[in-house]
Amino acid sequence: MTKSTSSVAPARVVIVDDHPMVAEGVEAILQTYDDIDVIATLSDGRQIIEQVEALDPDVILLDLNMPGIGGLSTTEIILERRPETRILILSMHDSPEYISSALSHGAVGYVLKDVPTDEIKHAIDVVMTGQRYLCTGAQGSLTPSGDGAREQLTNREQTILLQLAQGKSNKAVASALDISVRTVETHRANIKRKLGISSTAGLTRYAMEHGVLQGTGVQL
């Protein structure tokens, strides 16, 4: 392969997949590009969550279905700790539900495992420029937006909504969930945007009407 003359540092990539043949195959292909540095290959979500700050990756190629912590929860937790990380889902599932969920949880791209290997490289190049990337198969499966459907809350957002609906402050929520106040504020803003609600009272009312507070013993 022709060596690049660019002085730009290679993209630091981590592959997270519990299927060794998939992970090793993708790594072998990506290592042939001199503008990509595969710095780790891990087998589950917990490993990348524990090591993400030390590894400091630019892009994480992440499988959705893994034992223990799944890809969606892994995505949320990683982005809470390192919001600048670009998470590119590498999955065998092409259903709109999987793709929409991945994007709503913060992934910046979605690539099917059966795409040509050079498309994975192209996807990394695209997300490194700050753009979103959907492979051809994923684009065809994703239903058009604008049909009036409300964007769903992620599991983490539902957890934070419950905390806020109980009357807790941003600081108290941050302490309870071991995250920063700024992260709580970001989640809170996203929850309000998705639900079309502008006030804390509105969030509490939504939580009551939709059963979010059921079984918590909270009296409002």
N, C-alpha and C. Protein backbone atom coordinates (compact mmCIF):
# COMPACT_ATOMS: atom_id res chain seq x y z
N MET A 1 0.85 -1.20 0.00
CA MET A 1 0.00 0.00 0.00
C MET A 1 0.88 1.25 0.00
N THR A 2 0.46 2.25 -0.73
CA THR A 2 1.22 3.49 -0.80
C THR A 2 1.15 4.23 0.52
N LYS A 3 2.27 4.62 1.02
CA LYS A 3 2.30 5.34 2.28
C LYS A 3 1.82 6.77 2.11
N SER A 4 1.08 7.22 3.14
CA SER A 4 0.56 8.59 3.10
C SER A 4 1.66 9.57 3.43
N THR A 5 1.62 10.72 2.80
CA THR A 5 2.59 11.77 3.10
C THR A 5 2.01 12.80 4.06
N SER A 6 0.77 12.56 4.53
CA SER A 6 0.12 13.51 5.44
C SER A 6 0.80 13.49 6.80
N SER A 7 0.87 14.68 7.43
CA SER A 7 1.45 14.78 8.76
C SER A 7 0.39 14.61 9.84
N VAL A 8 -0.85 14.41 9.44
CA VAL A 8 -1.93 14.23 10.41
C VAL A 8 -1.76 12.89 11.12
N ALA A 9 -1.95 12.90 12.45
CA ALA A 9 -1.79 11.67 13.22
C ALA A 9 -2.85 10.65 12.83
N PRO A 10 -2.51 9.37 12.83
CA PRO A 10 -3.49 8.33 12.48
C PRO A 10 -4.68 8.36 13.44
N ALA A 11 -5.85 7.98 12.94
CA ALA A 11 -7.03 7.86 13.79
C ALA A 11 -6.83 6.69 14.75
N ARG A 12 -7.06 6.96 16.03
CA ARG A 12 -6.90 5.93 17.06
C ARG A 12 -8.22 5.17 17.19
N VAL A 13 -8.21 3.90 16.84
CA VAL A 13 -9.43 3.10 16.76
C VAL A 13 -9.38 1.93 17.75
N VAL A 14 -10.50 1.71 18.42
CA VAL A 14 -10.68 0.54 19.28
C VAL A 14 -11.82 -0.29 18.71
N ILE A 15 -11.63 -1.60 18.63
CA ILE A 15 -12.66 -2.52 18.17
C ILE A 15 -13.20 -3.28 19.38
N VAL A 16 -14.54 -3.27 19.53
CA VAL A 16 -15.17 -3.98 20.65
C VAL A 16 -16.21 -4.94 20.09
N ASP A 17 -15.90 -6.23 20.13
CA ASP A 17 -16.80 -7.25 19.60
C ASP A 17 -16.49 -8.57 20.30
N ASP A 18 -17.53 -9.29 20.72
CA ASP A 18 -17.30 -10.53 21.46
C ASP A 18 -17.07 -11.73 20.54
N HIS A 19 -17.07 -11.51 19.23
CA HIS A 19 -16.75 -12.57 18.29
C HIS A 19 -15.31 -12.38 17.80
N PRO A 20 -14.38 -13.19 18.28
CA PRO A 20 -12.96 -13.00 17.94
C PRO A 20 -12.68 -12.96 16.45
N MET A 21 -13.35 -13.79 15.67
CA MET A 21 -13.08 -13.82 14.23
C MET A 21 -13.45 -12.50 13.57
N VAL A 22 -14.56 -11.91 14.03
CA VAL A 22 -14.97 -10.61 13.49
C VAL A 22 -13.96 -9.54 13.88
N ALA A 23 -13.66 -9.48 15.18
CA ALA A 23 -12.74 -8.45 15.68
C ALA A 23 -11.37 -8.56 15.02
N GLU A 24 -10.85 -9.78 14.94
CA GLU A 24 -9.52 -9.96 14.36
C GLU A 24 -9.51 -9.68 12.86
N GLY A 25 -10.61 -10.03 12.20
CA GLY A 25 -10.70 -9.76 10.76
C GLY A 25 -10.72 -8.28 10.45
N VAL A 26 -11.54 -7.52 11.22
CA VAL A 26 -11.61 -6.07 11.03
C VAL A 26 -10.27 -5.43 11.36
N GLU A 27 -9.65 -5.88 12.45
CA GLU A 27 -8.35 -5.33 12.84
C GLU A 27 -7.31 -5.56 11.74
N ALA A 28 -7.29 -6.76 11.18
CA ALA A 28 -6.30 -7.07 10.15
C ALA A 28 -6.45 -6.16 8.94
N ILE A 29 -7.68 -5.89 8.57
CA ILE A 29 -7.93 -5.00 7.42
C ILE A 29 -7.52 -3.57 7.74
N LEU A 30 -7.94 -3.07 8.91
CA LEU A 30 -7.68 -1.67 9.25
C LEU A 30 -6.18 -1.41 9.46
N GLN A 31 -5.46 -2.40 9.91
CA GLN A 31 -4.03 -2.22 10.14
C GLN A 31 -3.25 -2.06 8.84
N THR A 32 -3.88 -2.34 7.71
CA THR A 32 -3.19 -2.14 6.43
C THR A 32 -3.20 -0.68 6.00
N TYR A 33 -3.98 0.15 6.69
CA TYR A 33 -4.04 1.59 6.37
C TYR A 33 -3.11 2.35 7.31
N ASP A 34 -2.23 3.14 6.75
CA ASP A 34 -1.28 3.85 7.60
C ASP A 34 -1.88 5.06 8.30
N ASP A 35 -3.12 5.45 7.95
CA ASP A 35 -3.76 6.56 8.65
C ASP A 35 -4.74 6.07 9.72
N ILE A 36 -4.66 4.78 10.06
CA ILE A 36 -5.47 4.21 11.14
C ILE A 36 -4.56 3.41 12.05
N ASP A 37 -4.73 3.61 13.36
CA ASP A 37 -3.95 2.87 14.35
C ASP A 37 -4.95 2.14 15.27
N VAL A 38 -5.07 0.83 15.11
CA VAL A 38 -5.94 0.03 15.99
C VAL A 38 -5.19 -0.16 17.31
N ILE A 39 -5.63 0.56 18.34
CA ILE A 39 -4.87 0.59 19.60
C ILE A 39 -5.33 -0.50 20.57
N ALA A 40 -6.51 -1.10 20.33
CA ALA A 40 -6.97 -2.18 21.21
C ALA A 40 -8.12 -2.93 20.54
N THR A 41 -8.22 -4.20 20.85
CA THR A 41 -9.36 -5.03 20.44
C THR A 41 -9.90 -5.68 21.70
N LEU A 42 -11.13 -5.32 22.06
CA LEU A 42 -11.73 -5.78 23.31
C LEU A 42 -12.97 -6.63 23.02
N SER A 43 -13.44 -7.36 24.04
CA SER A 43 -14.52 -8.32 23.79
C SER A 43 -15.85 -7.98 24.42
N ASP A 44 -15.91 -6.92 25.24
CA ASP A 44 -17.22 -6.57 25.82
C ASP A 44 -17.26 -5.11 26.25
N GLY A 45 -18.48 -4.66 26.57
CA GLY A 45 -18.70 -3.27 26.92
C GLY A 45 -17.99 -2.83 28.17
N ARG A 46 -17.96 -3.71 29.17
CA ARG A 46 -17.33 -3.33 30.44
C ARG A 46 -15.84 -3.00 30.24
N GLN A 47 -15.17 -3.76 29.39
CA GLN A 47 -13.75 -3.52 29.17
C GLN A 47 -13.50 -2.14 28.58
N ILE A 48 -14.29 -1.75 27.58
CA ILE A 48 -14.05 -0.44 26.98
C ILE A 48 -14.47 0.69 27.92
N ILE A 49 -15.50 0.47 28.72
CA ILE A 49 -15.91 1.49 29.69
C ILE A 49 -14.78 1.74 30.69
N GLU A 50 -14.16 0.64 31.15
CA GLU A 50 -13.09 0.76 32.15
C GLU A 50 -11.81 1.35 31.56
N GLN A 51 -11.60 1.14 30.26
CA GLN A 51 -10.31 1.53 29.67
C GLN A 51 -10.38 2.75 28.75
N VAL A 52 -11.59 3.28 28.51
CA VAL A 52 -11.72 4.30 27.47
C VAL A 52 -10.88 5.54 27.76
N GLU A 53 -10.83 5.96 29.02
CA GLU A 53 -10.07 7.17 29.32
C GLU A 53 -8.57 6.95 29.15
N ALA A 54 -8.10 5.77 29.51
CA ALA A 54 -6.67 5.47 29.35
C ALA A 54 -6.31 5.28 27.88
N LEU A 55 -7.18 4.65 27.11
CA LEU A 55 -6.90 4.39 25.70
C LEU A 55 -7.04 5.66 24.86
N ASP A 56 -7.97 6.53 25.23
CA ASP A 56 -8.17 7.80 24.52
C ASP A 56 -8.40 7.61 23.01
N PRO A 57 -9.40 6.80 22.63
CA PRO A 57 -9.61 6.54 21.20
C PRO A 57 -10.33 7.69 20.50
N ASP A 58 -10.10 7.81 19.21
CA ASP A 58 -10.88 8.75 18.39
C ASP A 58 -12.20 8.10 17.97
N VAL A 59 -12.12 6.83 17.60
CA VAL A 59 -13.29 6.09 17.11
C VAL A 59 -13.35 4.73 17.80
N ILE A 60 -14.58 4.34 18.19
CA ILE A 60 -14.80 3.00 18.72
C ILE A 60 -15.74 2.27 17.78
N LEU A 61 -15.28 1.15 17.23
CA LEU A 61 -16.14 0.27 16.45
C LEU A 61 -16.79 -0.68 17.44
N LEU A 62 -18.11 -0.57 17.61
CA LEU A 62 -18.78 -1.23 18.72
C LEU A 62 -19.91 -2.14 18.25
N ASP A 63 -19.87 -3.38 18.69
CA ASP A 63 -20.95 -4.33 18.41
C ASP A 63 -22.14 -3.98 19.32
N LEU A 64 -23.36 -4.26 18.86
CA LEU A 64 -24.55 -3.98 19.66
C LEU A 64 -24.83 -5.08 20.67
N ASN A 65 -24.80 -6.31 20.22
CA ASN A 65 -25.19 -7.44 21.07
C ASN A 65 -23.97 -8.12 21.67
N MET A 66 -23.73 -7.77 22.94
CA MET A 66 -22.59 -8.36 23.65
C MET A 66 -23.06 -8.82 25.02
N PRO A 67 -22.40 -9.81 25.60
CA PRO A 67 -22.77 -10.24 26.96
C PRO A 67 -22.47 -9.15 27.97
N GLY A 68 -23.25 -9.14 29.06
CA GLY A 68 -23.04 -8.12 30.07
C GLY A 68 -23.66 -6.81 29.66
N ILE A 69 -22.86 -5.79 29.52
CA ILE A 69 -23.36 -4.46 29.13
C ILE A 69 -23.47 -4.41 27.61
N GLY A 70 -24.66 -4.19 27.11
CA GLY A 70 -24.88 -4.15 25.67
C GLY A 70 -24.33 -2.89 25.02
N GLY A 71 -24.37 -2.86 23.70
CA GLY A 71 -23.79 -1.75 22.97
C GLY A 71 -24.45 -0.41 23.22
N LEU A 72 -25.78 -0.40 23.41
CA LEU A 72 -26.48 0.87 23.61
C LEU A 72 -26.09 1.50 24.95
N SER A 73 -26.12 0.70 26.01
CA SER A 73 -25.73 1.22 27.32
C SER A 73 -24.26 1.61 27.34
N THR A 74 -23.44 0.82 26.68
CA THR A 74 -22.01 1.13 26.58
C THR A 74 -21.80 2.48 25.90
N THR A 75 -22.56 2.72 24.84
CA THR A 75 -22.45 3.99 24.12
C THR A 75 -22.77 5.16 25.03
N GLU A 76 -23.87 5.07 25.77
CA GLU A 76 -24.26 6.15 26.67
C GLU A 76 -23.21 6.43 27.73
N ILE A 77 -22.72 5.38 28.34
CA ILE A 77 -21.75 5.56 29.44
C ILE A 77 -20.45 6.16 28.92
N ILE A 78 -19.99 5.68 27.78
CA ILE A 78 -18.76 6.21 27.20
C ILE A 78 -18.91 7.70 26.88
N LEU A 79 -20.03 8.07 26.29
CA LEU A 79 -20.22 9.47 25.90
C LEU A 79 -20.41 10.38 27.10
N GLU A 80 -20.85 9.82 28.22
CA GLU A 80 -20.90 10.62 29.44
C GLU A 80 -19.48 10.94 29.91
N ARG A 81 -18.59 10.00 29.73
CA ARG A 81 -17.21 10.18 30.22
C ARG A 81 -16.33 10.90 29.20
N ARG A 82 -16.55 10.61 27.92
CA ARG A 82 -15.74 11.23 26.87
C ARG A 82 -16.65 11.61 25.70
N PRO A 83 -17.35 12.75 25.81
CA PRO A 83 -18.33 13.14 24.79
C PRO A 83 -17.74 13.28 23.40
N GLU A 84 -16.43 13.49 23.30
CA GLU A 84 -15.80 13.70 22.00
C GLU A 84 -15.56 12.39 21.25
N THR A 85 -15.75 11.25 21.91
CA THR A 85 -15.52 9.96 21.27
C THR A 85 -16.56 9.69 20.19
N ARG A 86 -16.09 9.23 19.04
CA ARG A 86 -17.01 8.89 17.94
C ARG A 86 -17.28 7.39 18.00
N ILE A 87 -18.54 7.04 18.19
CA ILE A 87 -18.90 5.63 18.28
C ILE A 87 -19.59 5.19 17.00
N LEU A 88 -19.00 4.20 16.37
CA LEU A 88 -19.49 3.67 15.10
C LEU A 88 -19.96 2.24 15.35
N ILE A 89 -21.27 2.03 15.25
CA ILE A 89 -21.83 0.71 15.49
C ILE A 89 -21.54 -0.21 14.32
N LEU A 90 -21.04 -1.40 14.65
CA LEU A 90 -20.77 -2.44 13.65
C LEU A 90 -21.66 -3.62 14.02
N SER A 91 -22.72 -3.84 13.21
CA SER A 91 -23.74 -4.80 13.62
C SER A 91 -24.24 -5.65 12.44
N MET A 92 -24.85 -6.78 12.77
CA MET A 92 -25.47 -7.62 11.75
C MET A 92 -26.95 -7.26 11.56
N HIS A 93 -27.49 -6.40 12.42
CA HIS A 93 -28.91 -6.08 12.39
C HIS A 93 -29.17 -4.84 11.52
N ASP A 94 -30.09 -4.97 10.57
CA ASP A 94 -30.39 -3.84 9.69
C ASP A 94 -31.80 -3.30 9.89
N SER A 95 -32.47 -3.67 11.00
CA SER A 95 -33.83 -3.20 11.22
C SER A 95 -33.83 -1.73 11.64
N PRO A 96 -34.86 -0.98 11.26
CA PRO A 96 -34.92 0.45 11.62
C PRO A 96 -34.85 0.67 13.12
N GLU A 97 -35.42 -0.25 13.91
CA GLU A 97 -35.42 -0.08 15.37
C GLU A 97 -34.00 -0.08 15.92
N TYR A 98 -33.18 -1.00 15.46
CA TYR A 98 -31.79 -1.06 15.92
C TYR A 98 -31.03 0.20 15.53
N ILE A 99 -31.21 0.61 14.28
CA ILE A 99 -30.45 1.76 13.77
C ILE A 99 -30.87 3.04 14.49
N SER A 100 -32.18 3.27 14.60
CA SER A 100 -32.68 4.48 15.27
C SER A 100 -32.25 4.52 16.72
N SER A 101 -32.32 3.36 17.40
CA SER A 101 -31.90 3.32 18.81
C SER A 101 -30.43 3.66 18.96
N ALA A 102 -29.61 3.11 18.08
CA ALA A 102 -28.18 3.38 18.15
C ALA A 102 -27.89 4.87 17.98
N LEU A 103 -28.54 5.49 17.01
CA LEU A 103 -28.32 6.91 16.76
C LEU A 103 -28.85 7.76 17.91
N SER A 104 -30.01 7.38 18.47
CA SER A 104 -30.58 8.17 19.57
C SER A 104 -29.74 8.05 20.83
N HIS A 105 -28.99 6.97 20.97
CA HIS A 105 -28.12 6.81 22.13
C HIS A 105 -26.78 7.54 21.95
N GLY A 106 -26.54 8.11 20.77
CA GLY A 106 -25.34 8.92 20.58
C GLY A 106 -24.34 8.41 19.57
N ALA A 107 -24.59 7.24 18.99
CA ALA A 107 -23.68 6.75 17.95
C ALA A 107 -23.70 7.70 16.75
N VAL A 108 -22.55 7.86 16.11
CA VAL A 108 -22.47 8.77 14.96
C VAL A 108 -22.48 8.01 13.63
N GLY A 109 -22.56 6.69 13.72
CA GLY A 109 -22.58 5.92 12.49
C GLY A 109 -23.03 4.49 12.73
N TYR A 110 -23.43 3.83 11.65
CA TYR A 110 -23.95 2.47 11.73
C TYR A 110 -23.51 1.74 10.46
N VAL A 111 -22.78 0.66 10.65
CA VAL A 111 -22.27 -0.12 9.52
C VAL A 111 -22.63 -1.58 9.72
N LEU A 112 -23.15 -2.21 8.70
CA LEU A 112 -23.47 -3.63 8.78
C LEU A 112 -22.20 -4.47 8.61
N LYS A 113 -22.16 -5.60 9.29
CA LYS A 113 -20.96 -6.43 9.28
C LYS A 113 -20.68 -7.07 7.92
N ASP A 114 -21.68 -7.11 7.06
CA ASP A 114 -21.46 -7.77 5.77
C ASP A 114 -21.07 -6.80 4.66
N VAL A 115 -20.75 -5.55 5.02
CA VAL A 115 -20.33 -4.59 3.99
C VAL A 115 -18.90 -4.92 3.55
N PRO A 116 -18.49 -4.46 2.37
CA PRO A 116 -17.09 -4.62 1.97
C PRO A 116 -16.18 -3.94 2.99
N THR A 117 -15.04 -4.52 3.23
CA THR A 117 -14.16 -4.01 4.28
C THR A 117 -13.71 -2.58 4.05
N ASP A 118 -13.61 -2.17 2.78
CA ASP A 118 -13.18 -0.79 2.54
C ASP A 118 -14.25 0.21 2.95
N GLU A 119 -15.51 -0.26 3.11
CA GLU A 119 -16.55 0.65 3.55
C GLU A 119 -16.40 0.98 5.03
N ILE A 120 -15.87 0.05 5.80
CA ILE A 120 -15.61 0.33 7.21
C ILE A 120 -14.55 1.44 7.31
N LYS A 121 -13.53 1.35 6.49
CA LYS A 121 -12.50 2.41 6.46
C LYS A 121 -13.13 3.74 6.07
N HIS A 122 -14.00 3.72 5.06
CA HIS A 122 -14.66 4.95 4.62
C HIS A 122 -15.52 5.52 5.74
N ALA A 123 -16.21 4.65 6.48
CA ALA A 123 -17.04 5.11 7.59
C ALA A 123 -16.20 5.82 8.64
N ILE A 124 -15.05 5.26 8.95
CA ILE A 124 -14.15 5.90 9.93
C ILE A 124 -13.71 7.26 9.43
N ASP A 125 -13.35 7.34 8.16
CA ASP A 125 -12.94 8.63 7.58
C ASP A 125 -14.05 9.67 7.72
N VAL A 126 -15.28 9.26 7.46
CA VAL A 126 -16.41 10.19 7.49
C VAL A 126 -16.67 10.69 8.91
N VAL A 127 -16.74 9.78 9.88
CA VAL A 127 -17.04 10.22 11.24
C VAL A 127 -15.89 11.02 11.84
N MET A 128 -14.68 10.81 11.36
CA MET A 128 -13.54 11.60 11.83
C MET A 128 -13.66 13.06 11.40
N THR A 129 -14.44 13.33 10.35
CA THR A 129 -14.66 14.71 9.92
C THR A 129 -15.83 15.36 10.65
N GLY A 130 -16.45 14.60 11.56
CA GLY A 130 -17.57 15.15 12.32
C GLY A 130 -18.93 14.89 11.71
N GLN A 131 -18.98 14.10 10.65
CA GLN A 131 -20.25 13.80 10.00
C GLN A 131 -20.80 12.44 10.46
N ARG A 132 -22.10 12.25 10.23
CA ARG A 132 -22.72 10.96 10.52
C ARG A 132 -22.57 10.05 9.31
N TYR A 133 -22.45 8.74 9.58
CA TYR A 133 -22.32 7.80 8.47
C TYR A 133 -23.27 6.62 8.65
N LEU A 134 -24.05 6.35 7.62
CA LEU A 134 -24.89 5.16 7.56
C LEU A 134 -24.53 4.40 6.30
N CYS A 135 -24.22 3.12 6.44
CA CYS A 135 -23.92 2.34 5.25
C CYS A 135 -25.17 2.20 4.40
N THR A 136 -25.01 1.78 3.17
CA THR A 136 -26.13 1.73 2.23
C THR A 136 -27.27 0.89 2.77
N GLY A 137 -26.98 -0.28 3.32
CA GLY A 137 -28.02 -1.14 3.87
C GLY A 137 -28.77 -0.49 5.01
N ALA A 138 -28.05 0.25 5.85
CA ALA A 138 -28.69 0.93 6.98
C ALA A 138 -29.56 2.08 6.51
N GLN A 139 -29.10 2.81 5.52
CA GLN A 139 -29.89 3.92 4.99
C GLN A 139 -31.22 3.42 4.44
N GLY A 140 -31.19 2.27 3.76
CA GLY A 140 -32.41 1.73 3.18
C GLY A 140 -33.39 1.25 4.21
N SER A 141 -32.90 0.87 5.39
CA SER A 141 -33.77 0.36 6.44
C SER A 141 -34.35 1.46 7.32
N LEU A 142 -33.69 2.60 7.34
CA LEU A 142 -34.11 3.68 8.24
C LEU A 142 -35.29 4.41 7.66
N THR A 143 -36.38 4.45 8.40
CA THR A 143 -37.58 5.13 7.93
C THR A 143 -37.39 6.63 7.98
N PRO A 144 -37.97 7.36 7.03
CA PRO A 144 -37.82 8.81 7.03
C PRO A 144 -38.41 9.43 8.28
N SER A 145 -37.75 10.50 8.74
CA SER A 145 -38.27 11.22 9.90
C SER A 145 -39.29 12.24 9.43
N GLY A 146 -39.87 12.93 10.44
CA GLY A 146 -40.82 13.97 10.07
C GLY A 146 -42.24 13.47 10.02
N ASP A 147 -42.50 12.25 10.54
CA ASP A 147 -43.85 11.73 10.52
C ASP A 147 -44.60 12.06 11.80
N GLY A 148 -43.99 12.90 12.63
CA GLY A 148 -44.66 13.34 13.85
C GLY A 148 -44.39 12.42 15.03
N ALA A 149 -43.65 11.35 14.85
CA ALA A 149 -43.36 10.43 15.94
C ALA A 149 -42.40 11.08 16.92
N ARG A 150 -42.68 10.89 18.21
CA ARG A 150 -41.82 11.48 19.24
C ARG A 150 -40.56 10.64 19.40
N GLU A 151 -39.43 11.33 19.51
CA GLU A 151 -38.16 10.63 19.69
C GLU A 151 -38.14 9.97 21.06
N GLN A 152 -37.75 8.71 21.12
CA GLN A 152 -37.79 7.96 22.37
C GLN A 152 -36.63 8.34 23.29
N LEU A 153 -36.91 8.25 24.60
CA LEU A 153 -35.87 8.48 25.59
C LEU A 153 -35.01 7.23 25.69
N THR A 154 -33.70 7.44 25.89
CA THR A 154 -32.82 6.31 26.13
C THR A 154 -33.02 5.82 27.57
N ASN A 155 -32.47 4.66 27.89
CA ASN A 155 -32.58 4.13 29.26
C ASN A 155 -31.98 5.10 30.27
N ARG A 156 -30.86 5.70 29.92
CA ARG A 156 -30.20 6.63 30.84
C ARG A 156 -31.07 7.87 31.05
N GLU A 157 -31.68 8.35 29.97
CA GLU A 157 -32.55 9.52 30.09
C GLU A 157 -33.77 9.21 30.93
N GLN A 158 -34.31 7.99 30.82
CA GLN A 158 -35.44 7.61 31.66
C GLN A 158 -35.04 7.58 33.13
N THR A 159 -33.82 7.09 33.40
CA THR A 159 -33.33 7.07 34.78
C THR A 159 -33.22 8.48 35.33
N ILE A 160 -32.69 9.39 34.53
CA ILE A 160 -32.52 10.77 34.98
C ILE A 160 -33.87 11.47 35.10
N LEU A 161 -34.80 11.17 34.19
CA LEU A 161 -36.15 11.72 34.30
C LEU A 161 -36.78 11.31 35.63
N LEU A 162 -36.62 10.06 36.02
CA LEU A 162 -37.16 9.59 37.30
C LEU A 162 -36.57 10.39 38.46
N GLN A 163 -35.27 10.60 38.43
CA GLN A 163 -34.61 11.37 39.49
C GLN A 163 -35.13 12.80 39.56
N LEU A 164 -35.25 13.42 38.38
CA LEU A 164 -35.72 14.80 38.33
C LEU A 164 -37.18 14.91 38.77
N ALA A 165 -37.99 13.92 38.37
CA ALA A 165 -39.40 13.94 38.73
C ALA A 165 -39.61 13.77 40.23
N GLN A 166 -38.62 13.22 40.91
CA GLN A 166 -38.69 13.10 42.37
C GLN A 166 -38.30 14.40 43.06
N GLY A 167 -38.00 15.40 42.27
CA GLY A 167 -37.69 16.71 42.82
C GLY A 167 -36.23 16.94 43.13
N LYS A 168 -35.35 16.05 42.68
CA LYS A 168 -33.93 16.19 42.96
C LYS A 168 -33.31 17.27 42.08
N SER A 169 -32.32 17.95 42.62
CA SER A 169 -31.58 18.95 41.86
C SER A 169 -30.60 18.28 40.93
N ASN A 170 -30.06 19.05 39.98
CA ASN A 170 -29.04 18.51 39.09
C ASN A 170 -27.85 17.96 39.88
N LYS A 171 -27.47 18.68 40.92
CA LYS A 171 -26.33 18.25 41.74
C LYS A 171 -26.63 16.94 42.44
N ALA A 172 -27.86 16.78 42.95
CA ALA A 172 -28.23 15.56 43.65
C ALA A 172 -28.29 14.37 42.69
N VAL A 173 -28.78 14.62 41.50
CA VAL A 173 -28.83 13.55 40.49
C VAL A 173 -27.42 13.13 40.11
N ALA A 174 -26.55 14.12 39.91
CA ALA A 174 -25.17 13.84 39.55
C ALA A 174 -24.50 12.98 40.62
N SER A 175 -24.75 13.32 41.89
CA SER A 175 -24.17 12.56 43.00
C SER A 175 -24.72 11.14 43.05
N ALA A 176 -26.02 10.99 42.83
CA ALA A 176 -26.67 9.68 42.89
C ALA A 176 -26.19 8.75 41.79
N LEU A 177 -25.93 9.31 40.61
CA LEU A 177 -25.56 8.49 39.45
C LEU A 177 -24.05 8.51 39.17
N ASP A 178 -23.30 9.24 40.01
CA ASP A 178 -21.85 9.32 39.87
C ASP A 178 -21.44 9.85 38.50
N ILE A 179 -22.09 10.94 38.10
CA ILE A 179 -21.74 11.63 36.86
C ILE A 179 -21.61 13.12 37.17
N SER A 180 -21.17 13.90 36.22
CA SER A 180 -20.98 15.32 36.47
C SER A 180 -22.30 16.08 36.35
N VAL A 181 -22.34 17.24 37.00
CA VAL A 181 -23.53 18.08 36.92
C VAL A 181 -23.77 18.50 35.46
N ARG A 182 -22.68 18.76 34.75
CA ARG A 182 -22.81 19.15 33.35
C ARG A 182 -23.46 18.04 32.51
N THR A 183 -23.12 16.79 32.82
CA THR A 183 -23.72 15.67 32.10
C THR A 183 -25.22 15.61 32.39
N VAL A 184 -25.60 15.82 33.64
CA VAL A 184 -27.02 15.84 34.00
C VAL A 184 -27.74 16.95 33.24
N GLU A 185 -27.12 18.12 33.18
CA GLU A 185 -27.72 19.24 32.47
C GLU A 185 -27.92 18.92 30.99
N THR A 186 -26.95 18.23 30.39
CA THR A 186 -27.06 17.84 28.99
C THR A 186 -28.21 16.86 28.79
N HIS A 187 -28.28 15.85 29.66
CA HIS A 187 -29.38 14.88 29.57
C HIS A 187 -30.73 15.57 29.77
N ARG A 188 -30.77 16.48 30.72
CA ARG A 188 -32.02 17.19 31.03
C ARG A 188 -32.50 17.97 29.81
N ALA A 189 -31.57 18.64 29.15
CA ALA A 189 -31.91 19.41 27.96
C ALA A 189 -32.40 18.48 26.84
N ASN A 190 -31.75 17.34 26.69
CA ASN A 190 -32.17 16.39 25.66
C ASN A 190 -33.55 15.81 25.95
N ILE A 191 -33.83 15.54 27.24
CA ILE A 191 -35.14 15.02 27.63
C ILE A 191 -36.23 16.04 27.30
N LYS A 192 -35.99 17.28 27.65
CA LYS A 192 -36.98 18.33 27.37
C LYS A 192 -37.20 18.49 25.87
N ARG A 193 -36.10 18.42 25.12
CA ARG A 193 -36.23 18.57 23.66
C ARG A 193 -37.04 17.42 23.08
N LYS A 194 -36.73 16.19 23.49
CA LYS A 194 -37.42 15.04 22.93
C LYS A 194 -38.89 15.03 23.29
N LEU A 195 -39.20 15.45 24.51
CA LEU A 195 -40.59 15.40 24.98
C LEU A 195 -41.36 16.68 24.66
N GLY A 196 -40.67 17.71 24.21
CA GLY A 196 -41.33 18.97 23.93
C GLY A 196 -41.83 19.65 25.19
N ILE A 197 -41.05 19.50 26.27
CA ILE A 197 -41.42 20.05 27.58
C ILE A 197 -40.38 21.08 27.99
N SER A 198 -40.84 22.20 28.52
CA SER A 198 -39.92 23.29 28.83
C SER A 198 -39.67 23.51 30.32
N SER A 199 -40.46 22.86 31.19
CA SER A 199 -40.33 23.12 32.62
C SER A 199 -40.15 21.84 33.41
N THR A 200 -39.62 21.99 34.64
CA THR A 200 -39.47 20.84 35.53
C THR A 200 -40.84 20.29 35.92
N ALA A 201 -41.80 21.19 36.14
CA ALA A 201 -43.15 20.75 36.48
C ALA A 201 -43.73 19.89 35.35
N GLY A 202 -43.41 20.28 34.12
CA GLY A 202 -43.88 19.51 32.96
C GLY A 202 -43.25 18.12 32.94
N LEU A 203 -41.97 18.04 33.31
CA LEU A 203 -41.31 16.73 33.38
C LEU A 203 -41.96 15.85 34.43
N THR A 204 -42.29 16.43 35.58
CA THR A 204 -42.93 15.67 36.66
C THR A 204 -44.30 15.18 36.21
N ARG A 205 -45.04 16.05 35.55
CA ARG A 205 -46.38 15.68 35.07
C ARG A 205 -46.28 14.54 34.06
N TYR A 206 -45.30 14.63 33.16
CA TYR A 206 -45.10 13.57 32.16
C TYR A 206 -44.77 12.25 32.86
N ALA A 207 -43.90 12.31 33.88
CA ALA A 207 -43.50 11.11 34.59
C ALA A 207 -44.70 10.45 35.28
N MET A 208 -45.58 11.27 35.84
CA MET A 208 -46.77 10.73 36.51
C MET A 208 -47.72 10.11 35.50
N GLU A 209 -47.94 10.81 34.37
CA GLU A 209 -48.91 10.35 33.38
C GLU A 209 -48.46 9.10 32.65
N HIS A 210 -47.14 8.88 32.57
CA HIS A 210 -46.61 7.75 31.82
C HIS A 210 -46.05 6.65 32.72
N GLY A 211 -46.38 6.72 34.00
CA GLY A 211 -46.02 5.62 34.89
C GLY A 211 -44.56 5.54 35.27
N VAL A 212 -43.79 6.60 35.00
CA VAL A 212 -42.37 6.55 35.33
C VAL A 212 -42.15 6.41 36.84
N LEU A 213 -43.07 6.99 37.63
CA LEU A 213 -42.91 7.00 39.08
C LEU A 213 -43.57 5.80 39.76
N GLN A 214 -44.24 4.96 39.01
CA GLN A 214 -44.91 3.81 39.60
C GLN A 214 -43.91 2.87 40.26
N GLY A 215 -44.25 2.43 41.45
CA GLY A 215 -43.41 1.46 42.13
C GLY A 215 -42.22 2.06 42.85
N THR A 216 -42.10 3.40 42.82
CA THR A 216 -40.97 4.02 43.52
C THR A 216 -41.31 4.43 44.93
N GLY A 217 -42.61 4.47 45.25
CA GLY A 217 -43.03 4.91 46.57
C GLY A 217 -43.00 6.40 46.73
N VAL A 218 -42.80 7.13 45.62
CA VAL A 218 -42.72 8.58 45.70
C VAL A 218 -44.13 9.16 45.76
N GLN A 219 -44.33 10.08 46.69
CA GLN A 219 -45.61 10.76 46.82
C GLN A 219 -45.47 12.19 46.31
N LEU A 220 -46.26 12.54 45.29
CA LEU A 220 -46.18 13.89 44.74
C LEU A 220 -47.50 14.60 44.92
